[in-house]
Each structure stands twice: as structure tokens, then as C-alpha cells.
Amino acid sequence: MKNKIAFLLIIINLSIASGQSAKARTDSGDISFRDQFFNNPSVIYNLKKITSGNQINILDSKKLVSDKPLSFKNNVEDPTINIAIDKNDFINYNIQECIVNEDLAFVVLWEYGKNRALWFFLNKGKKTKKWYLIEVLEKTTR
């Protein structure tokens, strides 16, 4: 009986340890995706088409991208992209969905207070390990 309990404890311990290492790999992959996504010139271009000014504010109330506020700035000419966790005075977009797999990603940004959304489809290069924008679709609810 003691051998069975010891064996069961070892199996549970190994399962927990392997789960934690898999989560750590996923988290570091998300950070790489997040940085590459919000610094991608094609993504910035599509976000700038609808907004004006030198800042793009994106609400992430579901914490799909980050659990803390972030800012991204690619070039001097590009606007600053701010990720907000709480609703503030001026929001341009709301993150509705963010699914990141090993080599495919799907992100939906709704124009805040409007019926228009941008759907971003990305693919990760096998050799370069960089995320590339495949397609951007503009969808409306009407």
C-alpha cells in the first residue's frame, strides 16, 4: 500500500512539474507574439486607417494579451500603441479575441463603441520564428 501511495505521489509530482514547464514556454511565446504583433508595420497601418492622432488606445479588459498596461512604439512616425486594462477616457479598440497557437494566431479588435472589427490572421515562419500577417478582414455587425 505504501508503495502505491509513493508511486502515485511521484506521478502527480511529475505531472505538475511538466505542466509548469509547458506554461512557462507558452508565456514566453505569448510575449514574443505580443511584441511582434503590436510592432508589426502592417498591423500599425491597419489600426491607423481608422484612428487619427499619435496614440492608439486598446482596452484589454479580459486580459487576453496582458495583465498590466503596456505601450509599444515601433518608429518615430508611428503612433504609440497603449494597452489599457481598465476603461479610461479615450479608447480606440477593444480586444475581443486573441488565440495564439504554435504557428497560427487570430486577433479580433473591435472599434470601441462602434459596430466594426478588424480580424488579424498571422502565421509564424518556420525558419525565422517571426510572426507574419497573412490577412486582415474588416467586419461589421450590419
N, C-alpha and C. Protein backbone atom coordinates (compact mmCIF):
# COMPACT_ATOMS: atom_id res chain seq x y z
N MET A 1 0.82 -1.19 0.00
CA MET A 1 0.00 0.00 0.00
C MET A 1 0.87 1.26 0.00
N LYS A 2 1.96 1.24 0.81
CA LYS A 2 2.84 2.40 0.85
C LYS A 2 3.53 2.61 -0.49
N ASN A 3 3.86 1.53 -1.18
CA ASN A 3 4.49 1.64 -2.50
C ASN A 3 3.55 2.29 -3.51
N LYS A 4 2.27 1.93 -3.45
CA LYS A 4 1.30 2.52 -4.36
C LYS A 4 1.14 4.01 -4.10
N ILE A 5 1.09 4.40 -2.85
CA ILE A 5 0.95 5.81 -2.50
C ILE A 5 2.20 6.59 -2.93
N ALA A 6 3.37 6.02 -2.70
CA ALA A 6 4.60 6.69 -3.11
C ALA A 6 4.65 6.83 -4.63
N PHE A 7 4.24 5.78 -5.34
CA PHE A 7 4.23 5.82 -6.80
C PHE A 7 3.24 6.87 -7.29
N LEU A 8 2.07 6.93 -6.69
CA LEU A 8 1.06 7.92 -7.05
C LEU A 8 1.56 9.34 -6.80
N LEU A 9 2.23 9.57 -5.70
CA LEU A 9 2.78 10.89 -5.39
C LEU A 9 3.86 11.30 -6.40
N ILE A 10 4.67 10.34 -6.82
CA ILE A 10 5.71 10.63 -7.82
C ILE A 10 5.06 11.01 -9.15
N ILE A 11 4.04 10.28 -9.56
CA ILE A 11 3.34 10.57 -10.82
C ILE A 11 2.69 11.96 -10.75
N ILE A 12 2.04 12.27 -9.66
CA ILE A 12 1.40 13.59 -9.51
C ILE A 12 2.45 14.68 -9.54
N ASN A 13 3.55 14.49 -8.87
CA ASN A 13 4.64 15.47 -8.83
C ASN A 13 5.19 15.72 -10.23
N LEU A 14 5.43 14.64 -10.98
CA LEU A 14 5.93 14.78 -12.35
C LEU A 14 4.92 15.48 -13.25
N SER A 15 3.65 15.19 -13.07
CA SER A 15 2.61 15.84 -13.88
C SER A 15 2.58 17.34 -13.61
N ILE A 16 2.66 17.71 -12.37
CA ILE A 16 2.65 19.14 -12.01
C ILE A 16 3.88 19.83 -12.57
N ALA A 17 5.04 19.22 -12.44
CA ALA A 17 6.29 19.82 -12.94
C ALA A 17 6.25 19.98 -14.45
N SER A 18 5.75 18.99 -15.18
CA SER A 18 5.70 19.11 -16.64
C SER A 18 4.68 20.15 -17.06
N GLY A 19 3.58 20.29 -16.34
CA GLY A 19 2.59 21.32 -16.63
C GLY A 19 3.14 22.71 -16.43
N GLN A 20 3.94 22.92 -15.39
CA GLN A 20 4.53 24.23 -15.13
C GLN A 20 5.54 24.59 -16.20
N SER A 21 6.34 23.65 -16.68
CA SER A 21 7.31 23.98 -17.71
C SER A 21 6.62 24.29 -19.03
N ALA A 22 5.49 23.61 -19.32
CA ALA A 22 4.75 23.91 -20.55
C ALA A 22 4.14 25.29 -20.48
N LYS A 23 3.64 25.69 -19.31
CA LYS A 23 3.08 27.01 -19.15
C LYS A 23 4.15 28.08 -19.32
N ALA A 24 5.33 27.85 -18.80
CA ALA A 24 6.41 28.83 -18.94
C ALA A 24 6.77 29.02 -20.41
N ARG A 25 6.80 27.95 -21.19
CA ARG A 25 7.10 28.07 -22.62
C ARG A 25 6.00 28.86 -23.31
N THR A 26 4.73 28.62 -22.95
CA THR A 26 3.62 29.34 -23.56
C THR A 26 3.69 30.82 -23.23
N ASP A 27 3.97 31.16 -21.98
CA ASP A 27 4.04 32.56 -21.58
C ASP A 27 5.14 33.29 -22.34
N SER A 28 6.32 32.70 -22.48
CA SER A 28 7.39 33.38 -23.19
C SER A 28 7.04 33.50 -24.67
N GLY A 29 6.32 32.54 -25.22
CA GLY A 29 5.88 32.63 -26.61
C GLY A 29 4.87 33.73 -26.80
N ASP A 30 3.96 33.93 -25.82
CA ASP A 30 2.98 34.99 -25.91
C ASP A 30 3.65 36.35 -25.89
N ILE A 31 4.69 36.52 -25.08
CA ILE A 31 5.38 37.80 -25.02
C ILE A 31 6.00 38.10 -26.38
N SER A 32 6.63 37.11 -26.99
CA SER A 32 7.21 37.30 -28.31
C SER A 32 6.13 37.65 -29.31
N PHE A 33 5.01 36.95 -29.28
CA PHE A 33 3.92 37.25 -30.20
C PHE A 33 3.40 38.66 -29.96
N ARG A 34 3.15 38.99 -28.71
CA ARG A 34 2.61 40.31 -28.36
C ARG A 34 3.50 41.43 -28.88
N ASP A 35 4.81 41.32 -28.65
CA ASP A 35 5.73 42.35 -29.11
C ASP A 35 5.76 42.43 -30.64
N GLN A 36 5.82 41.27 -31.28
CA GLN A 36 5.86 41.26 -32.73
C GLN A 36 4.55 41.76 -33.34
N PHE A 37 3.42 41.43 -32.72
CA PHE A 37 2.13 41.85 -33.25
C PHE A 37 1.98 43.37 -33.19
N PHE A 38 2.20 43.96 -32.03
CA PHE A 38 1.97 45.40 -31.88
C PHE A 38 3.07 46.26 -32.47
N ASN A 39 4.20 45.68 -32.86
CA ASN A 39 5.25 46.42 -33.56
C ASN A 39 5.28 46.11 -35.05
N ASN A 40 4.34 45.31 -35.54
CA ASN A 40 4.27 44.94 -36.95
C ASN A 40 3.78 46.14 -37.76
N PRO A 41 4.53 46.60 -38.77
CA PRO A 41 4.11 47.75 -39.56
C PRO A 41 2.75 47.56 -40.24
N SER A 42 2.42 46.35 -40.66
CA SER A 42 1.12 46.10 -41.30
C SER A 42 -0.02 46.23 -40.30
N VAL A 43 0.19 45.77 -39.09
CA VAL A 43 -0.83 45.91 -38.04
C VAL A 43 -1.02 47.39 -37.72
N ILE A 44 0.08 48.11 -37.56
CA ILE A 44 0.01 49.54 -37.24
C ILE A 44 -0.72 50.28 -38.36
N TYR A 45 -0.40 49.96 -39.61
CA TYR A 45 -1.05 50.60 -40.76
C TYR A 45 -2.56 50.40 -40.70
N ASN A 46 -3.02 49.18 -40.44
CA ASN A 46 -4.45 48.89 -40.38
C ASN A 46 -5.13 49.57 -39.20
N LEU A 47 -4.44 49.70 -38.08
CA LEU A 47 -5.02 50.40 -36.94
C LEU A 47 -5.09 51.91 -37.20
N LYS A 48 -4.10 52.45 -37.91
CA LYS A 48 -4.07 53.89 -38.20
C LYS A 48 -5.13 54.29 -39.22
N LYS A 49 -5.57 53.35 -40.07
CA LYS A 49 -6.57 53.68 -41.08
C LYS A 49 -7.86 54.19 -40.46
N ILE A 50 -8.20 53.69 -39.31
CA ILE A 50 -9.46 54.05 -38.66
C ILE A 50 -9.27 55.17 -37.64
N THR A 51 -8.13 55.24 -37.01
CA THR A 51 -7.90 56.22 -35.95
C THR A 51 -7.08 57.40 -36.47
N SER A 52 -7.11 58.46 -35.72
CA SER A 52 -6.26 59.62 -36.02
C SER A 52 -5.52 60.00 -34.75
N GLY A 53 -4.44 60.72 -34.91
CA GLY A 53 -3.65 61.13 -33.75
C GLY A 53 -2.40 60.29 -33.61
N ASN A 54 -1.66 60.58 -32.57
CA ASN A 54 -0.37 59.90 -32.38
C ASN A 54 -0.44 58.80 -31.32
N GLN A 55 -1.65 58.45 -30.87
CA GLN A 55 -1.80 57.36 -29.90
C GLN A 55 -2.98 56.49 -30.30
N ILE A 56 -2.81 55.19 -30.12
CA ILE A 56 -3.89 54.23 -30.30
C ILE A 56 -4.06 53.52 -28.97
N ASN A 57 -5.24 53.66 -28.38
CA ASN A 57 -5.52 53.08 -27.07
C ASN A 57 -6.41 51.85 -27.24
N ILE A 58 -5.94 50.73 -26.71
CA ILE A 58 -6.64 49.46 -26.86
C ILE A 58 -6.98 48.93 -25.47
N LEU A 59 -8.26 48.65 -25.24
CA LEU A 59 -8.73 48.11 -23.97
C LEU A 59 -8.62 46.59 -23.98
N ASP A 60 -8.00 46.04 -22.95
CA ASP A 60 -7.87 44.60 -22.78
C ASP A 60 -8.47 44.22 -21.43
N SER A 61 -9.78 44.44 -21.29
CA SER A 61 -10.43 44.18 -20.00
C SER A 61 -10.49 42.69 -19.66
N LYS A 62 -10.45 41.83 -20.68
CA LYS A 62 -10.45 40.38 -20.44
C LYS A 62 -9.05 39.84 -20.17
N LYS A 63 -8.05 40.71 -20.27
CA LYS A 63 -6.64 40.36 -20.05
C LYS A 63 -6.21 39.21 -20.97
N LEU A 64 -6.55 39.33 -22.23
CA LEU A 64 -6.18 38.33 -23.22
C LEU A 64 -4.74 38.48 -23.69
N VAL A 65 -4.23 39.71 -23.66
CA VAL A 65 -2.88 39.99 -24.13
C VAL A 65 -1.93 40.24 -22.97
N SER A 66 -2.40 40.96 -21.96
CA SER A 66 -1.54 41.28 -20.83
C SER A 66 -2.38 41.54 -19.59
N ASP A 67 -1.79 41.29 -18.44
CA ASP A 67 -2.49 41.59 -17.19
C ASP A 67 -2.05 42.92 -16.59
N LYS A 68 -1.25 43.68 -17.35
CA LYS A 68 -0.81 45.00 -16.90
C LYS A 68 -0.77 45.94 -18.11
N PRO A 69 -0.87 47.25 -17.89
CA PRO A 69 -0.81 48.20 -19.00
C PRO A 69 0.55 48.16 -19.71
N LEU A 70 0.52 48.29 -21.03
CA LEU A 70 1.74 48.25 -21.84
C LEU A 70 1.70 49.36 -22.88
N SER A 71 2.88 49.71 -23.40
CA SER A 71 2.99 50.66 -24.51
C SER A 71 3.97 50.12 -25.52
N PHE A 72 3.67 50.36 -26.80
CA PHE A 72 4.53 49.93 -27.90
C PHE A 72 4.74 51.10 -28.84
N LYS A 73 5.98 51.26 -29.29
CA LYS A 73 6.32 52.30 -30.26
C LYS A 73 7.39 51.73 -31.17
N ASN A 74 7.07 51.59 -32.47
CA ASN A 74 7.98 50.97 -33.42
C ASN A 74 8.94 52.00 -34.01
N ASN A 75 8.41 53.02 -34.64
CA ASN A 75 9.21 54.07 -35.27
C ASN A 75 8.75 55.43 -34.78
N VAL A 76 9.53 56.44 -35.05
CA VAL A 76 9.19 57.80 -34.64
C VAL A 76 7.89 58.25 -35.30
N GLU A 77 7.68 57.86 -36.57
CA GLU A 77 6.49 58.28 -37.30
C GLU A 77 5.24 57.53 -36.86
N ASP A 78 5.41 56.35 -36.29
CA ASP A 78 4.26 55.52 -35.90
C ASP A 78 3.65 56.02 -34.60
N PRO A 79 2.34 55.83 -34.45
CA PRO A 79 1.71 56.20 -33.18
C PRO A 79 2.12 55.23 -32.07
N THR A 80 1.98 55.69 -30.85
CA THR A 80 2.20 54.83 -29.69
C THR A 80 0.95 54.00 -29.47
N ILE A 81 1.13 52.70 -29.30
CA ILE A 81 0.01 51.81 -29.03
C ILE A 81 0.01 51.51 -27.53
N ASN A 82 -1.07 51.90 -26.87
CA ASN A 82 -1.21 51.69 -25.43
C ASN A 82 -2.24 50.61 -25.17
N ILE A 83 -1.86 49.62 -24.36
CA ILE A 83 -2.79 48.58 -23.93
C ILE A 83 -3.25 48.95 -22.52
N ALA A 84 -4.55 49.17 -22.37
CA ALA A 84 -5.12 49.54 -21.07
C ALA A 84 -5.92 48.36 -20.52
N ILE A 85 -5.88 48.20 -19.23
CA ILE A 85 -6.62 47.12 -18.57
C ILE A 85 -8.00 47.63 -18.11
N ASP A 86 -8.04 48.86 -17.65
CA ASP A 86 -9.29 49.47 -17.20
C ASP A 86 -9.74 50.52 -18.21
N LYS A 87 -11.05 50.71 -18.28
CA LYS A 87 -11.60 51.70 -19.19
C LYS A 87 -11.15 53.09 -18.75
N ASN A 88 -10.57 53.83 -19.68
CA ASN A 88 -10.19 55.21 -19.37
C ASN A 88 -10.99 56.15 -20.26
N ASP A 89 -10.57 57.40 -20.36
CA ASP A 89 -11.36 58.40 -21.08
C ASP A 89 -11.50 58.11 -22.57
N PHE A 90 -10.42 57.66 -23.21
CA PHE A 90 -10.45 57.52 -24.66
C PHE A 90 -9.87 56.17 -25.09
N ILE A 91 -10.71 55.33 -25.65
CA ILE A 91 -10.30 54.01 -26.13
C ILE A 91 -10.65 53.93 -27.61
N ASN A 92 -9.71 53.46 -28.43
CA ASN A 92 -9.96 53.28 -29.86
C ASN A 92 -10.48 51.88 -30.17
N TYR A 93 -9.89 50.87 -29.53
CA TYR A 93 -10.23 49.48 -29.82
C TYR A 93 -10.40 48.69 -28.53
N ASN A 94 -11.11 47.56 -28.66
CA ASN A 94 -11.29 46.62 -27.56
C ASN A 94 -10.86 45.24 -28.06
N ILE A 95 -9.99 44.56 -27.32
CA ILE A 95 -9.57 43.22 -27.72
C ILE A 95 -10.67 42.24 -27.36
N GLN A 96 -11.28 41.64 -28.39
CA GLN A 96 -12.36 40.69 -28.17
C GLN A 96 -11.87 39.25 -28.14
N GLU A 97 -10.83 38.97 -28.93
CA GLU A 97 -10.32 37.60 -29.01
C GLU A 97 -8.84 37.63 -29.34
N CYS A 98 -8.09 36.72 -28.75
CA CYS A 98 -6.67 36.57 -29.05
C CYS A 98 -6.32 35.10 -28.83
N ILE A 99 -6.13 34.39 -29.94
CA ILE A 99 -5.79 32.98 -29.88
C ILE A 99 -4.43 32.80 -30.54
N VAL A 100 -3.48 32.28 -29.78
CA VAL A 100 -2.13 32.07 -30.29
C VAL A 100 -1.78 30.59 -30.15
N ASN A 101 -1.60 29.94 -31.28
CA ASN A 101 -1.15 28.54 -31.30
C ASN A 101 0.33 28.52 -31.62
N GLU A 102 0.86 27.34 -31.86
CA GLU A 102 2.29 27.20 -32.12
C GLU A 102 2.74 28.01 -33.33
N ASP A 103 1.95 27.98 -34.42
CA ASP A 103 2.36 28.72 -35.61
C ASP A 103 1.24 29.51 -36.27
N LEU A 104 0.08 29.59 -35.65
CA LEU A 104 -1.03 30.38 -36.15
C LEU A 104 -1.60 31.25 -35.04
N ALA A 105 -2.07 32.45 -35.41
CA ALA A 105 -2.67 33.34 -34.42
C ALA A 105 -3.86 34.06 -35.04
N PHE A 106 -4.82 34.39 -34.19
CA PHE A 106 -6.03 35.10 -34.60
C PHE A 106 -6.33 36.15 -33.54
N VAL A 107 -6.45 37.40 -33.96
CA VAL A 107 -6.72 38.50 -33.04
C VAL A 107 -7.89 39.31 -33.58
N VAL A 108 -8.86 39.62 -32.72
CA VAL A 108 -10.00 40.45 -33.11
C VAL A 108 -9.99 41.71 -32.26
N LEU A 109 -9.95 42.85 -32.93
CA LEU A 109 -10.01 44.16 -32.27
C LEU A 109 -11.27 44.87 -32.75
N TRP A 110 -12.20 45.14 -31.81
CA TRP A 110 -13.41 45.88 -32.14
C TRP A 110 -13.13 47.37 -31.98
N GLU A 111 -13.63 48.14 -32.93
CA GLU A 111 -13.56 49.59 -32.77
C GLU A 111 -14.50 49.94 -31.63
N TYR A 112 -13.98 50.61 -30.62
CA TYR A 112 -14.70 50.82 -29.38
C TYR A 112 -15.95 51.67 -29.61
N GLY A 113 -17.10 51.15 -29.19
CA GLY A 113 -18.36 51.87 -29.30
C GLY A 113 -18.96 51.86 -30.70
N LYS A 114 -18.38 51.10 -31.61
CA LYS A 114 -18.87 51.03 -32.99
C LYS A 114 -19.21 49.58 -33.32
N ASN A 115 -19.65 49.36 -34.56
CA ASN A 115 -20.01 48.00 -34.98
C ASN A 115 -19.00 47.43 -35.97
N ARG A 116 -17.77 47.92 -35.93
CA ARG A 116 -16.74 47.48 -36.87
C ARG A 116 -15.60 46.80 -36.12
N ALA A 117 -15.08 45.72 -36.72
CA ALA A 117 -13.98 44.96 -36.10
C ALA A 117 -12.92 44.66 -37.14
N LEU A 118 -11.69 44.52 -36.67
CA LEU A 118 -10.58 44.07 -37.51
C LEU A 118 -10.18 42.68 -37.05
N TRP A 119 -10.13 41.74 -38.00
CA TRP A 119 -9.71 40.38 -37.73
C TRP A 119 -8.33 40.21 -38.32
N PHE A 120 -7.35 39.87 -37.49
CA PHE A 120 -5.97 39.69 -37.91
C PHE A 120 -5.64 38.19 -37.88
N PHE A 121 -5.10 37.69 -38.99
CA PHE A 121 -4.65 36.30 -39.09
C PHE A 121 -3.14 36.33 -39.30
N LEU A 122 -2.40 35.62 -38.46
CA LEU A 122 -0.95 35.62 -38.55
C LEU A 122 -0.40 34.20 -38.60
N ASN A 123 0.77 34.08 -39.20
CA ASN A 123 1.45 32.80 -39.32
C ASN A 123 2.89 33.00 -38.86
N LYS A 124 3.43 32.00 -38.16
CA LYS A 124 4.81 32.06 -37.68
C LYS A 124 5.71 31.33 -38.68
N GLY A 125 6.75 32.02 -39.16
CA GLY A 125 7.69 31.42 -40.10
C GLY A 125 8.45 30.27 -39.45
N LYS A 126 8.60 29.18 -40.17
CA LYS A 126 9.28 28.00 -39.61
C LYS A 126 10.77 28.24 -39.42
N LYS A 127 11.38 28.97 -40.35
CA LYS A 127 12.82 29.21 -40.24
C LYS A 127 13.14 30.45 -39.41
N THR A 128 12.37 31.51 -39.61
CA THR A 128 12.68 32.78 -38.94
C THR A 128 12.08 32.88 -37.55
N LYS A 129 11.03 32.10 -37.27
CA LYS A 129 10.32 32.14 -35.99
C LYS A 129 9.69 33.51 -35.73
N LYS A 130 9.43 34.28 -36.79
CA LYS A 130 8.78 35.58 -36.68
C LYS A 130 7.34 35.45 -37.15
N TRP A 131 6.47 36.30 -36.59
CA TRP A 131 5.07 36.29 -36.95
C TRP A 131 4.84 37.20 -38.14
N TYR A 132 4.10 36.67 -39.14
CA TYR A 132 3.80 37.42 -40.36
C TYR A 132 2.29 37.56 -40.50
N LEU A 133 1.86 38.73 -40.88
CA LEU A 133 0.44 38.99 -41.10
C LEU A 133 0.01 38.34 -42.41
N ILE A 134 -0.97 37.45 -42.34
CA ILE A 134 -1.47 36.78 -43.54
C ILE A 134 -2.62 37.59 -44.15
N GLU A 135 -3.56 37.98 -43.29
CA GLU A 135 -4.78 38.63 -43.77
C GLU A 135 -5.36 39.51 -42.68
N VAL A 136 -5.98 40.61 -43.11
CA VAL A 136 -6.74 41.47 -42.22
C VAL A 136 -8.11 41.64 -42.84
N LEU A 137 -9.14 41.29 -42.10
CA LEU A 137 -10.51 41.46 -42.57
C LEU A 137 -11.21 42.50 -41.72
N GLU A 138 -11.98 43.34 -42.37
CA GLU A 138 -12.79 44.32 -41.65
C GLU A 138 -14.22 43.80 -41.68
N LYS A 139 -14.79 43.59 -40.50
CA LYS A 139 -16.13 43.05 -40.37
C LYS A 139 -17.02 44.05 -39.64
N THR A 140 -18.32 44.02 -39.99
CA THR A 140 -19.29 44.83 -39.28
C THR A 140 -20.43 43.92 -38.85
N THR A 141 -21.22 44.40 -37.91
CA THR A 141 -22.36 43.62 -37.44
C THR A 141 -23.58 43.88 -38.29
N ARG A 142 -23.49 44.79 -39.22
CA ARG A 142 -24.65 45.09 -40.08
C ARG A 142 -24.45 44.55 -41.45
